């Protein structure tokens, strides 16, 4: 699952560089709602030589990757296959006035709302909203992503499967993104409290990983009340 893959990014991020430049290709699709056939230019490869603190890739690469959009009803095809029940629920939503109000929003923002309708996992919705902020880093998008990540963290905390909780990559990843979104939305007091709590946890003080460097940079930015985007520090100690 995509959410599991991105949860591992921070653990192995630094020093990884792909070899391909950004390329695109024309692909054919059949809309799962209505059955209309269409073609769209899609991203097919790219090179990343680092990431921002919100995990947005840096380099000649689409960030995020393009999603196919049905031209007649503006349905965002956020995955390859949908169940019959999902199509039934999504069709009703796409035909509603509620969806029509957001058809001019970014594709990943619309995808997040579609995922909510069919009750996709909270972590996946949070990630999709985060990717929408890569498309358009506006305050409303940043705040909605922050709210969803807070909800995701609450779920992780109550999930019995997260034994060894403070060593859980999904939790570490979500905490760091939440910290970043608090800073980017100007919620510096909340960011300071989260930073202090994380700084006291052993998992974030491992010199062999990038987490400690991220927290050090975040402390500097929070103290300066800096709401801008910044790159994850390169390299390991």
C-alpha atoms as a PDB file:
ATOM      1  CA  UNK A   1       0.000   0.000   0.000  1.00  0.00           C
ATOM      2  CA  UNK A   2       1.130   3.531  -0.788  1.00  0.00           C
ATOM      3  CA  UNK A   3       0.751   4.720   2.802  1.00  0.00           C
ATOM      4  CA  UNK A   4       3.123   1.987   3.984  1.00  0.00           C
ATOM      5  CA  UNK A   5       5.697   2.936   1.365  1.00  0.00           C
ATOM      6  CA  UNK A   6       5.730   6.602   2.299  1.00  0.00           C
ATOM      7  CA  UNK A   7       5.997   5.710   5.974  1.00  0.00           C
ATOM      8  CA  UNK A   8       9.434   4.294   5.212  1.00  0.00           C
ATOM      9  CA  UNK A   9      10.690   7.329   3.297  1.00  0.00           C
ATOM     10  CA  UNK A  10      12.257   9.127   6.235  1.00  0.00           C
ATOM     11  CA  UNK A  11      14.038   5.999   7.391  1.00  0.00           C
ATOM     12  CA  UNK A  12      15.959   5.572   4.151  1.00  0.00           C
ATOM     13  CA  UNK A  13      15.677   8.945   2.481  1.00  0.00           C
ATOM     14  CA  UNK A  14      19.117  10.469   2.447  1.00  0.00           C
ATOM     15  CA  UNK A  15      21.555   9.382  -0.238  1.00  0.00           C
ATOM     16  CA  UNK A  16      18.955   7.832  -2.539  1.00  0.00           C
ATOM     17  CA  UNK A  17      18.856   9.228  -6.062  1.00  0.00           C
ATOM     18  CA  UNK A  18      16.954   7.849  -9.025  1.00  0.00           C
ATOM     19  CA  UNK A  19      18.566   7.895 -12.448  1.00  0.00           C
ATOM     20  CA  UNK A  20      15.653   8.811 -14.695  1.00  0.00           C
ATOM     21  CA  UNK A  21      14.613  12.311 -15.702  1.00  0.00           C
ATOM     22  CA  UNK A  22      10.968  13.352 -15.616  1.00  0.00           C
ATOM     23  CA  UNK A  23       9.131  11.718 -18.508  1.00  0.00           C
ATOM     24  CA  UNK A  24       5.490  11.635 -19.561  1.00  0.00           C
ATOM     25  CA  UNK A  25       3.385   9.351 -21.703  1.00  0.00           C
ATOM     26  CA  UNK A  26      -0.095   9.336 -23.191  1.00  0.00           C
ATOM     27  CA  UNK A  27      -2.336   6.696 -21.646  1.00  0.00           C
ATOM     28  CA  UNK A  28      -5.832   5.460 -22.419  1.00  0.00           C
ATOM     29  CA  UNK A  29      -8.500   5.079 -19.750  1.00  0.00           C
ATOM     30  CA  UNK A  30     -12.101   3.992 -19.303  1.00  0.00           C
ATOM     31  CA  UNK A  31     -13.918   6.008 -16.671  1.00  0.00           C
ATOM     32  CA  UNK A  32     -15.364   3.671 -14.010  1.00  0.00           C
ATOM     33  CA  UNK A  33     -18.315   6.041 -13.696  1.00  0.00           C
ATOM     34  CA  UNK A  34     -20.188   6.223 -16.979  1.00  0.00           C
ATOM     35  CA  UNK A  35     -17.725   4.164 -19.013  1.00  0.00           C
ATOM     36  CA  UNK A  36     -16.383   7.014 -21.173  1.00  0.00           C
ATOM     37  CA  UNK A  37     -13.082   6.293 -22.929  1.00  0.00           C
ATOM     38  CA  UNK A  38     -10.449   9.022 -22.889  1.00  0.00           C
ATOM     39  CA  UNK A  39      -6.719   9.693 -23.136  1.00  0.00           C
ATOM     40  CA  UNK A  40      -4.538  11.761 -20.834  1.00  0.00           C
ATOM     41  CA  UNK A  41      -0.885  12.697 -20.522  1.00  0.00           C
ATOM     42  CA  UNK A  42       0.501  11.000 -17.407  1.00  0.00           C
ATOM     43  CA  UNK A  43       3.787  11.099 -15.527  1.00  0.00           C
ATOM     44  CA  UNK A  44       5.835   7.951 -16.060  1.00  0.00           C
ATOM     45  CA  UNK A  45       9.216   8.535 -14.410  1.00  0.00           C
ATOM     46  CA  UNK A  46      11.310  11.135 -12.636  1.00  0.00           C
ATOM     47  CA  UNK A  47      14.405  11.897 -10.599  1.00  0.00           C
ATOM     48  CA  UNK A  48      14.388  12.921  -6.947  1.00  0.00           C
ATOM     49  CA  UNK A  49      17.534  14.115  -5.175  1.00  0.00           C
ATOM     50  CA  UNK A  50      15.958  15.018  -1.860  1.00  0.00           C
ATOM     51  CA  UNK A  51      12.709  15.995  -0.173  1.00  0.00           C
ATOM     52  CA  UNK A  52      11.193  18.950   1.577  1.00  0.00           C
ATOM     53  CA  UNK A  53      10.136  18.671   5.218  1.00  0.00           C
ATOM     54  CA  UNK A  54       6.615  17.862   4.001  1.00  0.00           C
ATOM     55  CA  UNK A  55       8.139  14.988   1.953  1.00  0.00           C
ATOM     56  CA  UNK A  56       7.601  16.721  -1.401  1.00  0.00           C
ATOM     57  CA  UNK A  57      10.274  15.349  -3.779  1.00  0.00           C
ATOM     58  CA  UNK A  58      12.914  17.722  -5.134  1.00  0.00           C
ATOM     59  CA  UNK A  59      14.151  17.407  -8.702  1.00  0.00           C
ATOM     60  CA  UNK A  60      12.845  16.771 -12.228  1.00  0.00           C
ATOM     61  CA  UNK A  61       9.894  14.737 -11.025  1.00  0.00           C
ATOM     62  CA  UNK A  62       6.144  15.210 -10.755  1.00  0.00           C
ATOM     63  CA  UNK A  63       5.149  16.018  -7.189  1.00  0.00           C
ATOM     64  CA  UNK A  64       2.643  14.557  -6.838  1.00  0.00           C
ATOM     65  CA  UNK A  65       2.233  12.214  -9.803  1.00  0.00           C
ATOM     66  CA  UNK A  66      -0.676  12.964 -12.104  1.00  0.00           C
ATOM     67  CA  UNK A  67      -4.069  11.315 -11.613  1.00  0.00           C
ATOM     68  CA  UNK A  68      -6.418  10.507 -14.471  1.00  0.00           C
ATOM     69  CA  UNK A  69      -9.593  12.609 -14.472  1.00  0.00           C
ATOM     70  CA  UNK A  70     -12.732  11.637 -16.381  1.00  0.00           C
ATOM     71  CA  UNK A  71     -13.495  14.559 -18.729  1.00  0.00           C
ATOM     72  CA  UNK A  72     -17.286  14.329 -18.550  1.00  0.00           C
ATOM     73  CA  UNK A  73     -17.914  14.104 -14.799  1.00  0.00           C
ATOM     74  CA  UNK A  74     -14.491  15.136 -13.362  1.00  0.00           C
ATOM     75  CA  UNK A  75     -14.161  11.912 -11.393  1.00  0.00           C
ATOM     76  CA  UNK A  76     -10.571  11.491 -10.182  1.00  0.00           C
ATOM     77  CA  UNK A  77      -9.320   7.949 -10.745  1.00  0.00           C
ATOM     78  CA  UNK A  78      -7.202   7.725  -7.604  1.00  0.00           C
ATOM     79  CA  UNK A  79      -6.637   3.968  -7.955  1.00  0.00           C
ATOM     80  CA  UNK A  80      -6.682   1.373 -10.719  1.00  0.00           C
ATOM     81  CA  UNK A  81      -9.629  -0.745  -9.613  1.00  0.00           C
ATOM     82  CA  UNK A  82     -12.853  -0.028  -7.732  1.00  0.00           C
ATOM     83  CA  UNK A  83     -15.359  -2.495  -6.301  1.00  0.00           C
ATOM     84  CA  UNK A  84     -18.980  -2.465  -7.438  1.00  0.00           C
ATOM     85  CA  UNK A  85     -20.044  -1.071  -4.072  1.00  0.00           C
ATOM     86  CA  UNK A  86     -17.445   1.690  -4.310  1.00  0.00           C
ATOM     87  CA  UNK A  87     -18.602   2.640  -7.808  1.00  0.00           C
ATOM     88  CA  UNK A  88     -22.198   2.813  -6.621  1.00  0.00           C
ATOM     89  CA  UNK A  89     -21.314   5.075  -3.691  1.00  0.00           C
ATOM     90  CA  UNK A  90     -18.903   7.226  -5.696  1.00  0.00           C
ATOM     91  CA  UNK A  91     -21.367   7.671  -8.562  1.00  0.00           C
ATOM     92  CA  UNK A  92     -23.927   9.147  -6.189  1.00  0.00           C
ATOM     93  CA  UNK A  93     -21.320  11.491  -4.743  1.00  0.00           C
ATOM     94  CA  UNK A  94     -19.859  12.585  -8.099  1.00  0.00           C
ATOM     95  CA  UNK A  95     -23.351  13.447  -9.337  1.00  0.00           C
ATOM     96  CA  UNK A  96     -24.111  15.480  -6.214  1.00  0.00           C
ATOM     97  CA  UNK A  97     -24.011  19.250  -5.839  1.00  0.00           C
ATOM     98  CA  UNK A  98     -21.437  18.744  -3.080  1.00  0.00           C
ATOM     99  CA  UNK A  99     -18.910  17.285  -5.521  1.00  0.00           C
ATOM    100  CA  UNK A 100     -19.696  19.839  -8.206  1.00  0.00           C
ATOM    101  CA  UNK A 101     -18.649  22.543  -5.734  1.00  0.00           C
ATOM    102  CA  UNK A 102     -15.113  21.148  -5.599  1.00  0.00           C
ATOM    103  CA  UNK A 103     -14.481  20.196  -9.247  1.00  0.00           C
ATOM    104  CA  UNK A 104     -12.111  23.140  -9.621  1.00  0.00           C
ATOM    105  CA  UNK A 105     -10.047  22.083  -6.607  1.00  0.00           C
ATOM    106  CA  UNK A 106      -6.726  20.278  -7.075  1.00  0.00           C
ATOM    107  CA  UNK A 107      -6.962  16.645  -8.159  1.00  0.00           C
ATOM    108  CA  UNK A 108      -5.474  15.264  -4.953  1.00  0.00           C
ATOM    109  CA  UNK A 109      -7.856  17.323  -2.844  1.00  0.00           C
ATOM    110  CA  UNK A 110     -10.793  15.857  -4.780  1.00  0.00           C
ATOM    111  CA  UNK A 111      -9.271  12.399  -4.467  1.00  0.00           C
ATOM    112  CA  UNK A 112      -9.160  12.798  -0.690  1.00  0.00           C
ATOM    113  CA  UNK A 113     -12.860  13.676  -0.576  1.00  0.00           C
ATOM    114  CA  UNK A 114     -13.669  10.668  -2.761  1.00  0.00           C
ATOM    115  CA  UNK A 115     -11.682   8.451  -0.407  1.00  0.00           C
ATOM    116  CA  UNK A 116     -13.640   9.798   2.546  1.00  0.00           C
ATOM    117  CA  UNK A 117     -16.923   8.844   0.901  1.00  0.00           C
ATOM    118  CA  UNK A 118     -15.891   5.186   0.601  1.00  0.00           C
ATOM    119  CA  UNK A 119     -14.143   5.157   4.001  1.00  0.00           C
ATOM    120  CA  UNK A 120     -10.569   4.607   2.864  1.00  0.00           C
ATOM    121  CA  UNK A 121      -8.019   4.434   5.731  1.00  0.00           C
ATOM    122  CA  UNK A 122      -7.426   7.721   7.544  1.00  0.00           C
ATOM    123  CA  UNK A 123      -3.681   7.527   6.936  1.00  0.00           C
ATOM    124  CA  UNK A 124      -4.234   7.274   3.192  1.00  0.00           C
ATOM    125  CA  UNK A 125      -6.632  10.238   3.228  1.00  0.00           C
ATOM    126  CA  UNK A 126      -4.118  12.261   5.252  1.00  0.00           C
ATOM    127  CA  UNK A 127      -1.349  11.495   2.775  1.00  0.00           C
ATOM    128  CA  UNK A 128      -3.569  12.448  -0.171  1.00  0.00           C
ATOM    129  CA  UNK A 129      -4.414  15.770   1.478  1.00  0.00           C
ATOM    130  CA  UNK A 130      -0.704  16.320   2.080  1.00  0.00           C
ATOM    131  CA  UNK A 131      -0.056  15.723  -1.623  1.00  0.00           C
ATOM    132  CA  UNK A 132      -2.757  18.273  -2.413  1.00  0.00           C
ATOM    133  CA  UNK A 133      -0.654  20.817  -0.501  1.00  0.00           C
ATOM    134  CA  UNK A 134       2.217  20.003  -2.854  1.00  0.00           C
ATOM    135  CA  UNK A 135      -0.054  21.060  -5.705  1.00  0.00           C
ATOM    136  CA  UNK A 136      -1.258  24.192  -3.932  1.00  0.00           C
ATOM    137  CA  UNK A 137       0.253  25.088  -0.522  1.00  0.00           C
ATOM    138  CA  UNK A 138      -2.672  27.245   0.584  1.00  0.00           C
ATOM    139  CA  UNK A 139      -3.652  27.647   4.227  1.00  0.00           C
ATOM    140  CA  UNK A 140      -7.009  25.808   3.862  1.00  0.00           C
ATOM    141  CA  UNK A 141      -5.275  22.808   2.266  1.00  0.00           C
ATOM    142  CA  UNK A 142      -2.512  22.813   4.881  1.00  0.00           C
ATOM    143  CA  UNK A 143      -5.035  23.024   7.727  1.00  0.00           C
ATOM    144  CA  UNK A 144      -7.193  20.202   6.393  1.00  0.00           C
ATOM    145  CA  UNK A 145      -4.139  17.988   5.980  1.00  0.00           C
ATOM    146  CA  UNK A 146      -3.067  18.848   9.533  1.00  0.00           C
ATOM    147  CA  UNK A 147      -6.493  17.974  10.933  1.00  0.00           C
ATOM    148  CA  UNK A 148      -6.443  14.619   9.141  1.00  0.00           C
ATOM    149  CA  UNK A 149      -2.945  13.788  10.377  1.00  0.00           C
ATOM    150  CA  UNK A 150      -3.998  14.554  13.944  1.00  0.00           C
ATOM    151  CA  UNK A 151      -6.903  12.170  13.496  1.00  0.00           C
ATOM    152  CA  UNK A 152      -4.525   9.565  12.070  1.00  0.00           C
ATOM    153  CA  UNK A 153      -2.189   9.918  15.050  1.00  0.00           C
ATOM    154  CA  UNK A 154      -5.103   9.361  17.425  1.00  0.00           C
ATOM    155  CA  UNK A 155      -5.946   6.165  15.564  1.00  0.00           C
ATOM    156  CA  UNK A 156      -2.349   4.957  15.743  1.00  0.00           C
ATOM    157  CA  UNK A 157      -2.250   5.618  19.469  1.00  0.00           C
ATOM    158  CA  UNK A 158      -5.314   3.441  20.028  1.00  0.00           C
ATOM    159  CA  UNK A 159      -4.220   0.725  17.622  1.00  0.00           C
ATOM    160  CA  UNK A 160      -3.102  -2.315  19.591  1.00  0.00           C
ATOM    161  CA  UNK A 161      -0.940  -3.383  16.643  1.00  0.00           C
ATOM    162  CA  UNK A 162       1.483  -0.513  17.205  1.00  0.00           C
ATOM    163  CA  UNK A 163       3.496  -2.328  19.827  1.00  0.00           C
ATOM    164  CA  UNK A 164       6.931  -0.802  20.263  1.00  0.00           C
ATOM    165  CA  UNK A 165       4.997   2.366  19.567  1.00  0.00           C
ATOM    166  CA  UNK A 166       7.807   4.901  19.516  1.00  0.00           C
ATOM    167  CA  UNK A 167       9.752   2.738  17.060  1.00  0.00           C
ATOM    168  CA  UNK A 168       6.813   2.486  14.665  1.00  0.00           C
ATOM    169  CA  UNK A 169       7.718   4.091  11.316  1.00  0.00           C
ATOM    170  CA  UNK A 170       4.132   5.092  10.520  1.00  0.00           C
ATOM    171  CA  UNK A 171       3.864   6.942  13.827  1.00  0.00           C
ATOM    172  CA  UNK A 172       7.266   8.643  13.467  1.00  0.00           C
ATOM    173  CA  UNK A 173       6.395   9.723   9.939  1.00  0.00           C
ATOM    174  CA  UNK A 174       2.987  11.078  10.983  1.00  0.00           C
ATOM    175  CA  UNK A 175       4.423  12.983  13.954  1.00  0.00           C
ATOM    176  CA  UNK A 176       7.054  14.696  11.790  1.00  0.00           C
ATOM    177  CA  UNK A 177       4.526  15.660   9.129  1.00  0.00           C
ATOM    178  CA  UNK A 178       2.125  16.967  11.776  1.00  0.00           C
ATOM    179  CA  UNK A 179       4.947  19.040  13.254  1.00  0.00           C
ATOM    180  CA  UNK A 180       5.725  20.436   9.805  1.00  0.00           C
ATOM    181  CA  UNK A 181       2.084  21.308   9.128  1.00  0.00           C
ATOM    182  CA  UNK A 182       1.732  23.026  12.498  1.00  0.00           C
ATOM    183  CA  UNK A 183       4.734  25.182  11.659  1.00  0.00           C
ATOM    184  CA  UNK A 184       3.560  25.893   8.102  1.00  0.00           C
ATOM    185  CA  UNK A 185       0.147  27.004   9.357  1.00  0.00           C
ATOM    186  CA  UNK A 186       1.749  29.323  11.907  1.00  0.00           C
ATOM    187  CA  UNK A 187       0.680  27.307  14.959  1.00  0.00           C
ATOM    188  CA  UNK A 188       4.047  27.799  16.613  1.00  0.00           C
ATOM    189  CA  UNK A 189       2.983  27.139  20.223  1.00  0.00           C
ATOM    190  CA  UNK A 190       1.536  23.759  19.270  1.00  0.00           C
ATOM    191  CA  UNK A 191       4.619  23.025  17.175  1.00  0.00           C
ATOM    192  CA  UNK A 192       6.906  23.883  20.108  1.00  0.00           C
ATOM    193  CA  UNK A 193       4.997  21.520  22.398  1.00  0.00           C
ATOM    194  CA  UNK A 194       5.149  18.691  19.870  1.00  0.00           C
ATOM    195  CA  UNK A 195       8.847  19.338  19.221  1.00  0.00           C
ATOM    196  CA  UNK A 196       9.645  19.216  22.946  1.00  0.00           C
ATOM    197  CA  UNK A 197       7.749  15.962  23.383  1.00  0.00           C
ATOM    198  CA  UNK A 198       9.408  14.320  20.378  1.00  0.00           C
ATOM    199  CA  UNK A 199      12.863  15.523  21.439  1.00  0.00           C
ATOM    200  CA  UNK A 200      12.503  13.519  24.662  1.00  0.00           C
ATOM    201  CA  UNK A 201      11.811  10.268  22.782  1.00  0.00           C
ATOM    202  CA  UNK A 202      14.752   7.974  22.055  1.00  0.00           C
ATOM    203  CA  UNK A 203      13.635   7.210  18.488  1.00  0.00           C
ATOM    204  CA  UNK A 204      14.131  10.848  17.526  1.00  0.00           C
ATOM    205  CA  UNK A 205      17.612  11.072  19.044  1.00  0.00           C
ATOM    206  CA  UNK A 206      19.318   8.381  16.981  1.00  0.00           C
ATOM    207  CA  UNK A 207      22.365  10.035  15.402  1.00  0.00           C
ATOM    208  CA  UNK A 208      22.403   7.388  12.662  1.00  0.00           C
ATOM    209  CA  UNK A 209      19.059   8.591  11.291  1.00  0.00           C
ATOM    210  CA  UNK A 210      17.805  11.849   9.856  1.00  0.00           C
ATOM    211  CA  UNK A 211      15.097  12.393  12.487  1.00  0.00           C
ATOM    212  CA  UNK A 212      17.389  14.291  14.863  1.00  0.00           C
ATOM    213  CA  UNK A 213      18.520  16.637  12.085  1.00  0.00           C
ATOM    214  CA  UNK A 214      14.900  17.297  11.180  1.00  0.00           C
ATOM    215  CA  UNK A 215      14.028  18.211  14.762  1.00  0.00           C
ATOM    216  CA  UNK A 216      17.064  20.490  15.033  1.00  0.00           C
ATOM    217  CA  UNK A 217      16.047  22.303  11.850  1.00  0.00           C
ATOM    218  CA  UNK A 218      12.422  22.532  12.974  1.00  0.00           C
ATOM    219  CA  UNK A 219      13.499  24.082  16.289  1.00  0.00           C
ATOM    220  CA  UNK A 220      15.409  26.787  14.437  1.00  0.00           C
ATOM    221  CA  UNK A 221      12.505  27.480  12.064  1.00  0.00           C
ATOM    222  CA  UNK A 222       9.903  27.526  14.844  1.00  0.00           C
ATOM    223  CA  UNK A 223      12.023  29.898  16.934  1.00  0.00           C
ATOM    224  CA  UNK A 224      12.219  32.191  13.899  1.00  0.00           C
ATOM    225  CA  UNK A 225       8.460  31.824  13.277  1.00  0.00           C
ATOM    226  CA  UNK A 226       9.296  30.710   9.758  1.00  0.00           C
ATOM    227  CA  UNK A 227       6.282  29.319   7.845  1.00  0.00           C
ATOM    228  CA  UNK A 228       8.137  28.665   4.588  1.00  0.00           C
ATOM    229  CA  UNK A 229       9.015  25.345   2.969  1.00  0.00           C
ATOM    230  CA  UNK A 230      12.475  23.940   3.677  1.00  0.00           C
ATOM    231  CA  UNK A 231      14.469  20.926   2.566  1.00  0.00           C
ATOM    232  CA  UNK A 232      15.245  17.951   4.789  1.00  0.00           C
ATOM    233  CA  UNK A 233      18.918  18.206   5.813  1.00  0.00           C
ATOM    234  CA  UNK A 234      21.094  16.065   3.564  1.00  0.00           C
ATOM    235  CA  UNK A 235      23.305  13.247   4.748  1.00  0.00           C
ATOM    236  CA  UNK A 236      23.772  11.425   8.018  1.00  0.00           C
ATOM    237  CA  UNK A 237      26.017  12.334  10.911  1.00  0.00           C
END
